[in-house]
C-alpha atoms as a PDB file:
ATOM      1  CA  MET A   1       9.486  27.901 -96.584  1.00  0.00           C
ATOM      2  CA  THR A   2      12.169  28.779 -98.235  1.00  0.00           C
ATOM      3  CA  GLY A   3      15.427  27.345 -97.345  1.00  0.00           C
ATOM      4  CA  PRO A   4      19.325  28.395 -97.427  1.00  0.00           C
ATOM      5  CA  ILE A   5      19.702  26.070-100.646  1.00  0.00           C
ATOM      6  CA  ASP A   6      17.571  27.607-101.995  1.00  0.00           C
ATOM      7  CA  ALA A   7      17.324  31.679-101.193  1.00  0.00           C
ATOM      8  CA  LEU A   8      20.688  31.040-102.479  1.00  0.00           C
ATOM      9  CA  VAL A   9      19.363  29.779-106.521  1.00  0.00           C
ATOM     10  CA  GLU A  10      17.440  33.482-106.167  1.00  0.00           C
ATOM     11  CA  ARG A  11      20.477  35.584-105.574  1.00  0.00           C
ATOM     12  CA  VAL A  12      22.624  33.353-108.053  1.00  0.00           C
ATOM     13  CA  ASP A  13      19.736  34.004-110.535  1.00  0.00           C
ATOM     14  CA  SER A  14      19.666  37.376-110.079  1.00  0.00           C
ATOM     15  CA  ALA A  15      23.092  38.307-110.295  1.00  0.00           C
ATOM     16  CA  LEU A  16      23.400  36.228-113.948  1.00  0.00           C
ATOM     17  CA  ALA A  17      20.544  38.437-114.749  1.00  0.00           C
ATOM     18  CA  GLY A  18      22.636  42.007-113.788  1.00  0.00           C
ATOM     19  CA  PHE A  19      25.261  40.410-115.452  1.00  0.00           C
ATOM     20  CA  LEU A  20      23.202  39.484-118.727  1.00  0.00           C
ATOM     21  CA  ASP A  21      21.168  43.006-119.112  1.00  0.00           C
ATOM     22  CA  ALA A  22      25.003  44.585-118.539  1.00  0.00           C
ATOM     23  CA  ARG A  23      26.202  42.347-121.468  1.00  0.00           C
ATOM     24  CA  THR A  24      23.018  42.147-123.520  1.00  0.00           C
ATOM     25  CA  ALA A  25      23.333  46.188-124.059  1.00  0.00           C
ATOM     26  CA  SER A  26      26.960  45.697-124.789  1.00  0.00           C
ATOM     27  CA  LEU A  27      26.371  43.607-127.774  1.00  0.00           C
ATOM     28  CA  ALA A  28      23.466  45.994-128.383  1.00  0.00           C
ATOM     29  CA  GLU A  29      25.649  48.428-129.260  1.00  0.00           C
ATOM     30  CA  VAL A  30      26.669  46.315-131.896  1.00  0.00           C
ATOM     31  CA  GLY A  31      23.981  46.655-133.903  1.00  0.00           C
ATOM     32  CA  LYS A  32      20.842  44.369-133.824  1.00  0.00           C
ATOM     33  CA  ASP A  33      22.687  40.916-135.664  1.00  0.00           C
ATOM     34  CA  LEU A  34      23.204  40.532-132.125  1.00  0.00           C
ATOM     35  CA  GLU A  35      20.038  40.426-130.623  1.00  0.00           C
ATOM     36  CA  PRO A  36      19.807  36.433-131.455  1.00  0.00           C
ATOM     37  CA  VAL A  37      23.184  36.063-129.602  1.00  0.00           C
ATOM     38  CA  ALA A  38      22.575  37.728-126.398  1.00  0.00           C
ATOM     39  CA  GLN A  39      19.146  36.118-126.461  1.00  0.00           C
ATOM     40  CA  ALA A  40      19.877  32.825-126.645  1.00  0.00           C
ATOM     41  CA  ALA A  41      22.837  33.266-123.801  1.00  0.00           C
ATOM     42  CA  ARG A  42      19.926  34.090-121.367  1.00  0.00           C
ATOM     43  CA  ALA A  43      17.642  31.756-122.627  1.00  0.00           C
ATOM     44  CA  PHE A  44      20.619  28.958-121.851  1.00  0.00           C
ATOM     45  CA  VAL A  45      21.716  31.073-118.910  1.00  0.00           C
ATOM     46  CA  LEU A  46      17.851  31.942-116.968  1.00  0.00           C
ATOM     47  CA  ASP A  47      15.698  29.571-118.025  1.00  0.00           C
ATOM     48  CA  GLY A  48      16.331  26.201-116.701  1.00  0.00           C
ATOM     49  CA  GLY A  49      19.266  25.011-114.437  1.00  0.00           C
ATOM     50  CA  LYS A  50      19.848  23.539-111.300  1.00  0.00           C
ATOM     51  CA  ARG A  51      22.935  25.885-109.828  1.00  0.00           C
ATOM     52  CA  LEU A  52      24.691  23.005-107.766  1.00  0.00           C
ATOM     53  CA  ARG A  53      28.022  24.171-109.176  1.00  0.00           C
ATOM     54  CA  PRO A  54      27.210  27.535-107.041  1.00  0.00           C
ATOM     55  CA  SER A  55      24.952  26.003-104.825  1.00  0.00           C
ATOM     56  CA  PHE A  56      28.889  23.521-104.010  1.00  0.00           C
ATOM     57  CA  ALA A  57      30.500  27.288-104.375  1.00  0.00           C
ATOM     58  CA  TYR A  58      28.866  29.062-101.790  1.00  0.00           C
ATOM     59  CA  TRP A  59      28.887  26.450 -99.494  1.00  0.00           C
ATOM     60  CA  GLY A  60      32.541  25.704 -99.380  1.00  0.00           C
ATOM     61  CA  TRP A  61      32.881  29.221 -98.412  1.00  0.00           C
ATOM     62  CA  ARG A  62      30.562  28.161 -95.545  1.00  0.00           C
ATOM     63  CA  THR A  63      32.751  25.657 -94.313  1.00  0.00           C
ATOM     64  CA  VAL A  64      34.649  28.638 -92.429  1.00  0.00           C
ATOM     65  CA  ARG A  65      32.478  31.766 -92.975  1.00  0.00           C
ATOM     66  CA  ALA A  66      29.712  32.590 -90.572  1.00  0.00           C
ATOM     67  CA  ALA A  67      26.426  33.537 -92.200  1.00  0.00           C
ATOM     68  CA  SER A  68      26.929  36.555 -90.648  1.00  0.00           C
ATOM     69  CA  ALA A  69      29.909  37.880 -92.884  1.00  0.00           C
ATOM     70  CA  ASP A  70      29.521  39.342 -96.183  1.00  0.00           C
ATOM     71  CA  ASP A  71      28.897  37.153 -98.652  1.00  0.00           C
ATOM     72  CA  ARG A  72      28.403  39.190-101.917  1.00  0.00           C
ATOM     73  CA  ALA A  73      31.555  38.796-103.812  1.00  0.00           C
ATOM     74  CA  LEU A  74      31.674  35.142-103.545  1.00  0.00           C
ATOM     75  CA  VAL A  75      28.234  34.628-104.754  1.00  0.00           C
ATOM     76  CA  THR A  76      29.052  36.801-107.578  1.00  0.00           C
ATOM     77  CA  ALA A  77      32.170  33.686-108.299  1.00  0.00           C
ATOM     78  CA  ALA A  78      29.945  31.082-107.834  1.00  0.00           C
ATOM     79  CA  ALA A  79      27.003  32.711-110.246  1.00  0.00           C
ATOM     80  CA  SER A  80      30.170  32.865-113.146  1.00  0.00           C
ATOM     81  CA  LEU A  81      30.801  28.429-112.622  1.00  0.00           C
ATOM     82  CA  GLU A  82      26.640  28.703-114.348  1.00  0.00           C
ATOM     83  CA  LEU A  83      28.533  30.994-117.222  1.00  0.00           C
ATOM     84  CA  LEU A  84      31.349  28.577-117.311  1.00  0.00           C
ATOM     85  CA  HIS A  85      28.799  25.769-117.129  1.00  0.00           C
ATOM     86  CA  ALA A  86      26.315  27.289-119.846  1.00  0.00           C
ATOM     87  CA  CYS A  87      29.706  26.998-122.153  1.00  0.00           C
ATOM     88  CA  ALA A  88      30.755  23.313-122.052  1.00  0.00           C
ATOM     89  CA  LEU A  89      26.795  22.626-122.829  1.00  0.00           C
ATOM     90  CA  VAL A  90      26.651  24.477-125.925  1.00  0.00           C
ATOM     91  CA  HIS A  91      29.158  23.186-126.815  1.00  0.00           C
ATOM     92  CA  ASP A  92      28.639  19.268-125.810  1.00  0.00           C
ATOM     93  CA  ASP A  93      25.569  20.056-127.871  1.00  0.00           C
ATOM     94  CA  VAL A  94      27.819  20.833-130.989  1.00  0.00           C
ATOM     95  CA  MET A  95      29.951  17.596-129.967  1.00  0.00           C
ATOM     96  CA  ASP A  96      27.184  15.389-129.616  1.00  0.00           C
ATOM     97  CA  ALA A  97      25.205  16.413-132.710  1.00  0.00           C
ATOM     98  CA  SER A  98      22.120  16.575-130.015  1.00  0.00           C
ATOM     99  CA  GLN A  99      19.608  18.656-131.230  1.00  0.00           C
ATOM    100  CA  LEU A 100      17.846  19.610-128.122  1.00  0.00           C
ATOM    101  CA  ARG A 101      18.741  20.619-124.442  1.00  0.00           C
ATOM    102  CA  ARG A 102      16.267  21.245-121.591  1.00  0.00           C
ATOM    103  CA  GLY A 103      13.061  20.421-123.780  1.00  0.00           C
ATOM    104  CA  ARG A 104      13.915  23.209-125.907  1.00  0.00           C
ATOM    105  CA  PRO A 105      16.068  23.544-129.151  1.00  0.00           C
ATOM    106  CA  ALA A 106      19.529  23.193-128.471  1.00  0.00           C
ATOM    107  CA  ALA A 107      21.660  26.568-129.781  1.00  0.00           C
ATOM    108  CA  HIS A 108      22.929  24.968-132.864  1.00  0.00           C
ATOM    109  CA  ALA A 109      19.612  23.775-133.855  1.00  0.00           C
ATOM    110  CA  ALA A 110      18.120  27.171-133.023  1.00  0.00           C
ATOM    111  CA  PHE A 111      20.715  29.086-135.307  1.00  0.00           C
ATOM    112  CA  ALA A 112      20.388  26.818-138.040  1.00  0.00           C
ATOM    113  CA  ALA A 113      16.552  27.153-137.837  1.00  0.00           C
ATOM    114  CA  LEU A 114      17.103  31.405-137.772  1.00  0.00           C
ATOM    115  CA  HIS A 115      18.964  30.119-140.696  1.00  0.00           C
ATOM    116  CA  ARG A 116      16.334  28.580-142.402  1.00  0.00           C
ATOM    117  CA  ALA A 117      13.526  31.162-141.680  1.00  0.00           C
ATOM    118  CA  SER A 118      15.742  33.911-143.301  1.00  0.00           C
ATOM    119  CA  GLY A 119      16.242  32.320-146.100  1.00  0.00           C
ATOM    120  CA  TRP A 120      19.819  32.535-146.161  1.00  0.00           C
ATOM    121  CA  THR A 121      22.204  31.445-148.338  1.00  0.00           C
ATOM    122  CA  GLY A 122      24.921  28.051-147.272  1.00  0.00           C
ATOM    123  CA  ASP A 123      23.624  25.428-145.464  1.00  0.00           C
ATOM    124  CA  PRO A 124      21.798  26.216-142.172  1.00  0.00           C
ATOM    125  CA  ASP A 125      23.548  23.315-140.193  1.00  0.00           C
ATOM    126  CA  VAL A 126      26.700  24.485-140.580  1.00  0.00           C
ATOM    127  CA  PHE A 127      25.295  28.195-139.853  1.00  0.00           C
ATOM    128  CA  GLY A 128      23.668  26.324-136.585  1.00  0.00           C
ATOM    129  CA  THR A 129      27.007  24.952-135.667  1.00  0.00           C
ATOM    130  CA  ALA A 130      29.667  27.802-136.252  1.00  0.00           C
ATOM    131  CA  ALA A 131      27.320  29.915-134.387  1.00  0.00           C
ATOM    132  CA  ALA A 132      26.776  28.262-131.223  1.00  0.00           C
ATOM    133  CA  ILE A 133      30.715  27.791-131.325  1.00  0.00           C
ATOM    134  CA  LEU A 134      30.870  31.863-131.325  1.00  0.00           C
ATOM    135  CA  LEU A 135      28.445  31.300-128.822  1.00  0.00           C
ATOM    136  CA  GLY A 136      30.071  28.992-125.904  1.00  0.00           C
ATOM    137  CA  ASP A 137      33.040  31.277-126.543  1.00  0.00           C
ATOM    138  CA  LEU A 138      31.294  34.051-125.797  1.00  0.00           C
ATOM    139  CA  LEU A 139      29.401  32.319-122.321  1.00  0.00           C
ATOM    140  CA  LEU A 140      33.231  31.328-121.410  1.00  0.00           C
ATOM    141  CA  SER A 141      34.878  34.158-122.152  1.00  0.00           C
ATOM    142  CA  TRP A 142      32.039  36.265-119.880  1.00  0.00           C
ATOM    143  CA  ALA A 143      32.213  33.455-116.910  1.00  0.00           C
ATOM    144  CA  ASP A 144      36.425  35.128-116.156  1.00  0.00           C
ATOM    145  CA  ALA A 145      34.643  39.093-116.580  1.00  0.00           C
ATOM    146  CA  MET A 146      31.584  38.520-114.574  1.00  0.00           C
ATOM    147  CA  PHE A 147      34.446  36.175-111.553  1.00  0.00           C
ATOM    148  CA  THR A 148      37.411  38.229-112.396  1.00  0.00           C
ATOM    149  CA  ALA A 149      34.731  41.714-111.361  1.00  0.00           C
ATOM    150  CA  ALA A 150      33.287  39.415-108.028  1.00  0.00           C
ATOM    151  CA  GLY A 151      35.456  41.262-105.576  1.00  0.00           C
ATOM    152  CA  LEU A 152      36.986  38.402-103.592  1.00  0.00           C
ATOM    153  CA  ALA A 153      39.511  39.809-101.287  1.00  0.00           C
ATOM    154  CA  ALA A 154      42.776  41.215-102.922  1.00  0.00           C
ATOM    155  CA  ALA A 155      44.293  38.201 -99.782  1.00  0.00           C
ATOM    156  CA  ASP A 156      42.334  35.170-101.052  1.00  0.00           C
ATOM    157  CA  LEU A 157      42.179  36.152-104.670  1.00  0.00           C
ATOM    158  CA  PRO A 158      45.066  34.170-106.395  1.00  0.00           C
ATOM    159  CA  ARG A 159      44.602  31.032-104.742  1.00  0.00           C
ATOM    160  CA  THR A 160      40.593  31.614-105.857  1.00  0.00           C
ATOM    161  CA  ARG A 161      42.188  31.917-109.632  1.00  0.00           C
ATOM    162  CA  GLN A 162      44.519  29.310-109.257  1.00  0.00           C
ATOM    163  CA  VAL A 163      41.235  27.322-108.333  1.00  0.00           C
ATOM    164  CA  TRP A 164      39.167  29.151-111.652  1.00  0.00           C
ATOM    165  CA  ASP A 165      41.965  28.490-113.712  1.00  0.00           C
ATOM    166  CA  ASP A 166      42.351  24.519-113.406  1.00  0.00           C
ATOM    167  CA  MET A 167      38.336  24.119-113.022  1.00  0.00           C
ATOM    168  CA  ARG A 168      38.344  25.379-117.070  1.00  0.00           C
ATOM    169  CA  GLU A 169      41.077  23.657-117.496  1.00  0.00           C
ATOM    170  CA  LEU A 170      39.978  20.317-116.654  1.00  0.00           C
ATOM    171  CA  VAL A 171      35.758  21.005-117.786  1.00  0.00           C
ATOM    172  CA  MET A 172      38.128  21.242-121.467  1.00  0.00           C
ATOM    173  CA  ALA A 173      40.689  18.169-120.578  1.00  0.00           C
ATOM    174  CA  GLY A 174      36.755  16.092-119.067  1.00  0.00           C
ATOM    175  CA  GLN A 175      35.074  16.402-122.328  1.00  0.00           C
ATOM    176  CA  TYR A 176      38.321  15.775-125.371  1.00  0.00           C
ATOM    177  CA  LEU A 177      38.679  11.918-122.210  1.00  0.00           C
ATOM    178  CA  ASP A 178      34.382  11.631-123.230  1.00  0.00           C
ATOM    179  CA  VAL A 179      35.041  12.249-126.604  1.00  0.00           C
ATOM    180  CA  LEU A 180      38.049  10.134-127.409  1.00  0.00           C
ATOM    181  CA  VAL A 181      36.856   7.355-125.651  1.00  0.00           C
ATOM    182  CA  GLN A 182      33.652   7.298-127.283  1.00  0.00           C
ATOM    183  CA  ALA A 183      35.718   7.416-130.596  1.00  0.00           C
ATOM    184  CA  ARG A 184      37.357   4.631-129.657  1.00  0.00           C
ATOM    185  CA  GLY A 185      34.644   3.040-128.780  1.00  0.00           C
ATOM    186  CA  GLU A 186      35.963  -0.182-126.759  1.00  0.00           C
ATOM    187  CA  PHE A 187      33.399  -1.028-123.501  1.00  0.00           C
ATOM    188  CA  SER A 188      35.886  -0.047-120.294  1.00  0.00           C
ATOM    189  CA  ALA A 189      33.945   0.182-117.139  1.00  0.00           C
ATOM    190  CA  GLU A 190      37.927   2.436-116.195  1.00  0.00           C
ATOM    191  CA  ASP A 191      37.402   4.553-119.072  1.00  0.00           C
ATOM    192  CA  ALA A 192      33.911   5.724-117.650  1.00  0.00           C
ATOM    193  CA  LEU A 193      34.616   6.308-114.704  1.00  0.00           C
ATOM    194  CA  ARG A 194      38.297   7.879-115.621  1.00  0.00           C
ATOM    195  CA  VAL A 195      35.638  10.594-117.364  1.00  0.00           C
ATOM    196  CA  ALA A 196      33.660  10.853-114.933  1.00  0.00           C
ATOM    197  CA  LYS A 197      36.637  11.863-112.440  1.00  0.00           C
ATOM    198  CA  PHE A 198      37.431  14.486-114.628  1.00  0.00           C
ATOM    199  CA  LYS A 199      34.739  15.294-116.735  1.00  0.00           C
ATOM    200  CA  THR A 200      32.297  15.866-113.213  1.00  0.00           C
ATOM    201  CA  SER A 201      33.434  14.422-109.813  1.00  0.00           C
ATOM    202  CA  LYS A 202      36.876  17.646-110.471  1.00  0.00           C
ATOM    203  CA  TYR A 203      34.785  20.919-112.013  1.00  0.00           C
ATOM    204  CA  THR A 204      31.110  20.521-110.964  1.00  0.00           C
ATOM    205  CA  VAL A 205      32.376  18.918-107.728  1.00  0.00           C
ATOM    206  CA  GLU A 206      34.913  19.553-105.516  1.00  0.00           C
ATOM    207  CA  GLY A 207      36.300  22.450-107.958  1.00  0.00           C
ATOM    208  CA  PRO A 208      33.166  24.912-107.002  1.00  0.00           C
ATOM    209  CA  LEU A 209      34.313  23.610-103.420  1.00  0.00           C
ATOM    210  CA  HIS A 210      37.516  24.208-103.235  1.00  0.00           C
ATOM    211  CA  LEU A 211      36.872  27.631-105.176  1.00  0.00           C
ATOM    212  CA  GLY A 212      34.648  28.667-102.465  1.00  0.00           C
ATOM    213  CA  ALA A 213      37.099  27.504-100.213  1.00  0.00           C
ATOM    214  CA  ALA A 214      39.799  29.395-101.124  1.00  0.00           C
ATOM    215  CA  ALA A 215      37.876  32.565-101.890  1.00  0.00           C
ATOM    216  CA  ALA A 216      36.990  31.637 -97.769  1.00  0.00           C
ATOM    217  CA  GLY A 217      40.759  30.872 -96.821  1.00  0.00           C
ATOM    218  CA  ALA A 218      40.323  27.462 -95.305  1.00  0.00           C
ATOM    219  CA  SER A 219      42.944  25.432 -94.135  1.00  0.00           C
ATOM    220  CA  PRO A 220      44.893  22.747 -95.798  1.00  0.00           C
ATOM    221  CA  GLU A 221      42.577  20.553 -93.851  1.00  0.00           C
ATOM    222  CA  VAL A 222      38.936  21.657 -94.851  1.00  0.00           C
ATOM    223  CA  PHE A 223      40.576  21.591 -98.568  1.00  0.00           C
ATOM    224  CA  ALA A 224      40.986  17.256 -97.996  1.00  0.00           C
ATOM    225  CA  VAL A 225      37.685  17.290 -96.603  1.00  0.00           C
ATOM    226  CA  LEU A 226      35.720  18.673 -99.014  1.00  0.00           C
ATOM    227  CA  SER A 227      37.655  16.411-101.207  1.00  0.00           C
ATOM    228  CA  GLU A 228      36.431  13.688 -99.339  1.00  0.00           C
ATOM    229  CA  TYR A 229      33.393  14.854 -99.669  1.00  0.00           C
ATOM    230  CA  GLY A 230      33.463  16.470-103.127  1.00  0.00           C
ATOM    231  CA  LEU A 231      34.938  13.400-105.397  1.00  0.00           C
ATOM    232  CA  PRO A 232      33.194  10.687-104.059  1.00  0.00           C
ATOM    233  CA  LEU A 233      29.128  12.570-105.041  1.00  0.00           C
ATOM    234  CA  GLY A 234      30.896  14.575-108.476  1.00  0.00           C
ATOM    235  CA  GLU A 235      30.982  10.239-109.520  1.00  0.00           C
ATOM    236  CA  ALA A 236      27.716   9.143-108.537  1.00  0.00           C
ATOM    237  CA  PHE A 237      26.234  12.260-109.943  1.00  0.00           C
ATOM    238  CA  GLN A 238      28.075  12.055-113.589  1.00  0.00           C
ATOM    239  CA  LEU A 239      26.598   7.802-112.770  1.00  0.00           C
ATOM    240  CA  ARG A 240      23.207   9.069-111.977  1.00  0.00           C
ATOM    241  CA  ASP A 241      23.397  11.220-115.203  1.00  0.00           C
ATOM    242  CA  ASP A 242      24.251   7.991-117.397  1.00  0.00           C
ATOM    243  CA  VAL A 243      21.138   6.188-115.879  1.00  0.00           C
ATOM    244  CA  LEU A 244      18.681   9.397-116.840  1.00  0.00           C
ATOM    245  CA  GLY A 245      20.350   9.548-119.965  1.00  0.00           C
ATOM    246  CA  VAL A 246      18.874   5.350-120.883  1.00  0.00           C
ATOM    247  CA  PHE A 247      16.203   5.122-118.431  1.00  0.00           C
ATOM    248  CA  GLY A 248      15.381   8.819-118.231  1.00  0.00           C
ATOM    249  CA  ASP A 249      11.546  10.511-118.591  1.00  0.00           C
ATOM    250  CA  PRO A 250      11.651  12.711-121.646  1.00  0.00           C
ATOM    251  CA  SER A 251       9.267  15.263-120.165  1.00  0.00           C
ATOM    252  CA  ARG A 252      11.393  15.209-117.385  1.00  0.00           C
ATOM    253  CA  THR A 253      14.923  15.472-118.955  1.00  0.00           C
ATOM    254  CA  GLY A 254      14.317  17.810-121.762  1.00  0.00           C
ATOM    255  CA  LYS A 255      15.756  14.703-123.521  1.00  0.00           C
ATOM    256  CA  PRO A 256      14.385  12.643-126.594  1.00  0.00           C
ATOM    257  CA  ALA A 257      14.394   8.773-124.773  1.00  0.00           C
ATOM    258  CA  GLY A 258      17.668   6.822-124.397  1.00  0.00           C
ATOM    259  CA  ASP A 259      19.415   9.995-125.941  1.00  0.00           C
ATOM    260  CA  ASP A 260      22.859   8.256-124.445  1.00  0.00           C
ATOM    261  CA  LEU A 261      22.288   4.779-126.495  1.00  0.00           C
ATOM    262  CA  LEU A 262      21.523   6.807-129.718  1.00  0.00           C
ATOM    263  CA  GLU A 263      24.419   9.028-128.990  1.00  0.00           C
ATOM    264  CA  GLY A 264      26.541   6.138-128.181  1.00  0.00           C
ATOM    265  CA  LYS A 265      27.966   6.817-125.197  1.00  0.00           C
ATOM    266  CA  ARG A 266      30.220   3.959-123.467  1.00  0.00           C
ATOM    267  CA  THR A 267      29.491   5.059-120.033  1.00  0.00           C
ATOM    268  CA  LEU A 268      29.880   2.580-117.280  1.00  0.00           C
ATOM    269  CA  LEU A 269      26.393   0.958-117.495  1.00  0.00           C
ATOM    270  CA  VAL A 270      27.324   0.164-121.190  1.00  0.00           C
ATOM    271  CA  ALA A 271      30.415  -1.556-120.071  1.00  0.00           C
ATOM    272  CA  LEU A 272      29.245  -3.355-117.323  1.00  0.00           C
ATOM    273  CA  ALA A 273      25.870  -4.419-119.816  1.00  0.00           C
ATOM    274  CA  MET A 274      28.883  -5.622-122.243  1.00  0.00           C
ATOM    275  CA  GLY A 275      31.054  -7.173-119.443  1.00  0.00           C
ATOM    276  CA  GLN A 276      28.205  -9.598-118.827  1.00  0.00           C
ATOM    277  CA  ALA A 277      26.263  -9.473-121.871  1.00  0.00           C
ATOM    278  CA  SER A 278      25.650 -13.331-123.705  1.00  0.00           C
ATOM    279  CA  ALA A 279      26.772 -13.233-126.871  1.00  0.00           C
ATOM    280  CA  ALA A 280      23.849 -12.246-128.576  1.00  0.00           C
ATOM    281  CA  GLN A 281      23.067  -8.824-125.733  1.00  0.00           C
ATOM    282  CA  ALA A 282      27.263  -7.921-126.518  1.00  0.00           C
ATOM    283  CA  GLY A 283      25.131  -8.301-130.571  1.00  0.00           C
ATOM    284  CA  LEU A 284      22.255  -5.795-130.139  1.00  0.00           C
ATOM    285  CA  LEU A 285      24.444  -3.636-128.529  1.00  0.00           C
ATOM    286  CA  ARG A 286      27.067  -3.335-131.076  1.00  0.00           C
ATOM    287  CA  ARG A 287      25.245  -2.860-133.703  1.00  0.00           C
ATOM    288  CA  TYR A 288      22.208  -0.692-132.289  1.00  0.00           C
ATOM    289  CA  LEU A 289      24.398   1.506-129.579  1.00  0.00           C
ATOM    290  CA  GLY A 290      25.405   5.148-131.343  1.00  0.00           C
ATOM    291  CA  ASP A 291      22.893   4.181-134.086  1.00  0.00           C
ATOM    292  CA  ARG A 292      20.610   7.675-133.953  1.00  0.00           C
ATOM    293  CA  ALA A 293      18.169   6.304-136.245  1.00  0.00           C
ATOM    294  CA  MET A 294      17.275   3.553-133.590  1.00  0.00           C
ATOM    295  CA  ALA A 295      13.833   2.706-133.444  1.00  0.00           C
ATOM    296  CA  ALA A 296      11.522   2.936-130.009  1.00  0.00           C
ATOM    297  CA  ASP A 297      11.393  -0.172-129.700  1.00  0.00           C
ATOM    298  CA  GLN A 298      15.406  -1.078-129.930  1.00  0.00           C
ATOM    299  CA  VAL A 299      15.627   1.559-127.900  1.00  0.00           C
ATOM    300  CA  ALA A 300      14.300  -0.376-126.321  1.00  0.00           C
ATOM    301  CA  GLU A 301      15.695  -3.344-126.299  1.00  0.00           C
ATOM    302  CA  LEU A 302      19.222  -1.948-125.843  1.00  0.00           C
ATOM    303  CA  ARG A 303      17.781  -0.886-122.014  1.00  0.00           C
ATOM    304  CA  ALA A 304      16.360  -4.341-121.736  1.00  0.00           C
ATOM    305  CA  VAL A 305      19.596  -5.772-121.776  1.00  0.00           C
ATOM    306  CA  ILE A 306      20.850  -3.243-119.583  1.00  0.00           C
ATOM    307  CA  VAL A 307      18.701  -4.102-116.906  1.00  0.00           C
ATOM    308  CA  SER A 308      18.387  -8.129-116.819  1.00  0.00           C
ATOM    309  CA  THR A 309      22.793  -8.073-117.150  1.00  0.00           C
ATOM    310  CA  GLY A 310      22.144  -6.298-113.664  1.00  0.00           C
ATOM    311  CA  ALA A 311      24.128  -2.936-114.600  1.00  0.00           C
ATOM    312  CA  LEU A 312      21.715  -0.702-113.942  1.00  0.00           C
ATOM    313  CA  ASP A 313      21.526  -2.178-110.670  1.00  0.00           C
ATOM    314  CA  GLN A 314      24.852  -2.667-109.765  1.00  0.00           C
ATOM    315  CA  VAL A 315      25.085   1.666-111.126  1.00  0.00           C
ATOM    316  CA  GLU A 316      22.377   1.857-108.257  1.00  0.00           C
ATOM    317  CA  HIS A 317      24.082   0.515-105.961  1.00  0.00           C
ATOM    318  CA  ARG A 318      27.530   2.211-107.143  1.00  0.00           C
ATOM    319  CA  ILE A 319      25.393   5.488-107.040  1.00  0.00           C
ATOM    320  CA  ALA A 320      24.488   4.872-103.505  1.00  0.00           C
ATOM    321  CA  LEU A 321      28.093   3.989-101.988  1.00  0.00           C
ATOM    322  CA  ARG A 322      29.593   6.585-103.581  1.00  0.00           C
ATOM    323  CA  ALA A 323      26.653   9.286-101.874  1.00  0.00           C
ATOM    324  CA  ASP A 324      26.968   7.611 -97.873  1.00  0.00           C
ATOM    325  CA  GLU A 325      31.327   8.064 -99.065  1.00  0.00           C
ATOM    326  CA  ALA A 326      30.517  11.492 -99.018  1.00  0.00           C
ATOM    327  CA  ARG A 327      27.787  11.429 -95.905  1.00  0.00           C
ATOM    328  CA  LYS A 328      30.036  10.022 -94.516  1.00  0.00           C
ATOM    329  CA  SER A 329      33.390  12.863 -95.189  1.00  0.00           C
ATOM    330  CA  LEU A 330      31.229  14.873 -93.690  1.00  0.00           C
ATOM    331  CA  ARG A 331      31.731  13.702 -90.106  1.00  0.00           C
ATOM    332  CA  THR A 332      34.169  16.180 -89.140  1.00  0.00           C
ATOM    333  CA  ASP A 333      34.881  19.120 -87.367  1.00  0.00           C
ATOM    334  CA  ALA A 334      36.595  20.662 -90.098  1.00  0.00           C
ATOM    335  CA  VAL A 335      32.854  21.605 -91.169  1.00  0.00           C
ATOM    336  CA  SER A 336      30.208  23.687 -89.701  1.00  0.00           C
ATOM    337  CA  ASP A 337      27.250  22.346 -89.351  1.00  0.00           C
ATOM    338  CA  ASP A 338      25.025  24.444 -91.137  1.00  0.00           C
ATOM    339  CA  ALA A 339      27.111  23.689 -93.923  1.00  0.00           C
ATOM    340  CA  ARG A 340      27.348  19.899 -93.314  1.00  0.00           C
ATOM    341  CA  ALA A 341      23.661  19.852 -93.778  1.00  0.00           C
ATOM    342  CA  ALA A 342      23.665  21.784 -96.846  1.00  0.00           C
ATOM    343  CA  LEU A 343      26.398  20.049 -97.612  1.00  0.00           C
ATOM    344  CA  ASP A 344      24.094  16.633 -96.721  1.00  0.00           C
ATOM    345  CA  GLY A 345      21.132  18.228 -98.692  1.00  0.00           C
ATOM    346  CA  LEU A 346      22.820  18.908-101.952  1.00  0.00           C
ATOM    347  CA  VAL A 347      23.871  15.104-101.793  1.00  0.00           C
ATOM    348  CA  THR A 348      19.837  14.267-102.370  1.00  0.00           C
ATOM    349  CA  ALA A 349      19.754  16.654-104.727  1.00  0.00           C
ATOM    350  CA  ALA A 350      22.583  15.794-106.853  1.00  0.00           C
ATOM    351  CA  THR A 351      21.854  11.712-106.816  1.00  0.00           C
ATOM    352  CA  GLU A 352      18.518  11.222-106.486  1.00  0.00           C
ATOM    353  CA  ARG A 353      16.945  13.648-109.701  1.00  0.00           C
ATOM    354  CA  HIS A 354      15.342  13.481-112.215  1.00  0.00           C
ATOM    355  CA  THR A 355      16.396  16.247-114.744  1.00  0.00           C
END
């Protein structure tokens, strides 16, 4: 039987498909040259994704609104978060020089392949990067257009718009922190957790929850409860991402084995491992981390360091603690029973996943 979260995902997908149909038609008026851009946008947004951000937005709204309330405008506004996220992913792949996303070529890699197949002049990789940046910018503009046209109640729109604007700022700020920490090349647990807070907690979980709550005209008490739930869960979500980035199954993550090690990500896993490593282990981390030419056996060596130092166990323990903290925050009358049950289920979806 389809549950409430599954039913919501279907509605979000339908809203996105309808919006992208209209935008594809609009691009077609420019000419056939825009077809690859429209196809890339549709594929990126519609083929994959867990729809967690729209789900958090919807259940933030349902903390105070009844199931019988008209939620069509809210679902459309929540769906626009997927376009914002798609923008971030396209740009993230460019910055990380990632070649795969969800088991398919990343946008910049796909555009570079188009250049090569077409026999055009110039550097295919430069073209691919430029096209992907523009695709991400287009998705960002579409996200704003979809949110603006959602038709949220005028009385609640100013506060909802402020949450939306804050989210767009935070995703860029958090991404810059991630790039900066990686460039510094240090192994700081504090820096890793700061990136997790601003790149993920406030943008992936707390922001969408507040968006829904603002659209519902929620009280300050509800916003406080949603922050108590969203911030620890957002950290746990990012830490699960970090574990999957090192130990995930490529057939499920759609990324190469040990992708975060190849990219040199300064995650909490790596910071804790370095802090507890022997001299030989620390040497391995410094030598190979960020080496995209790393062989499979070298990836395995770095994984072994992370396991043997206890870093993996520590991160798994922290994920469990943060998930439990999020669940405990829901023990309040400020959240409706059905919203509490759905938000509890989203803790599992966010932290006990394989993709």
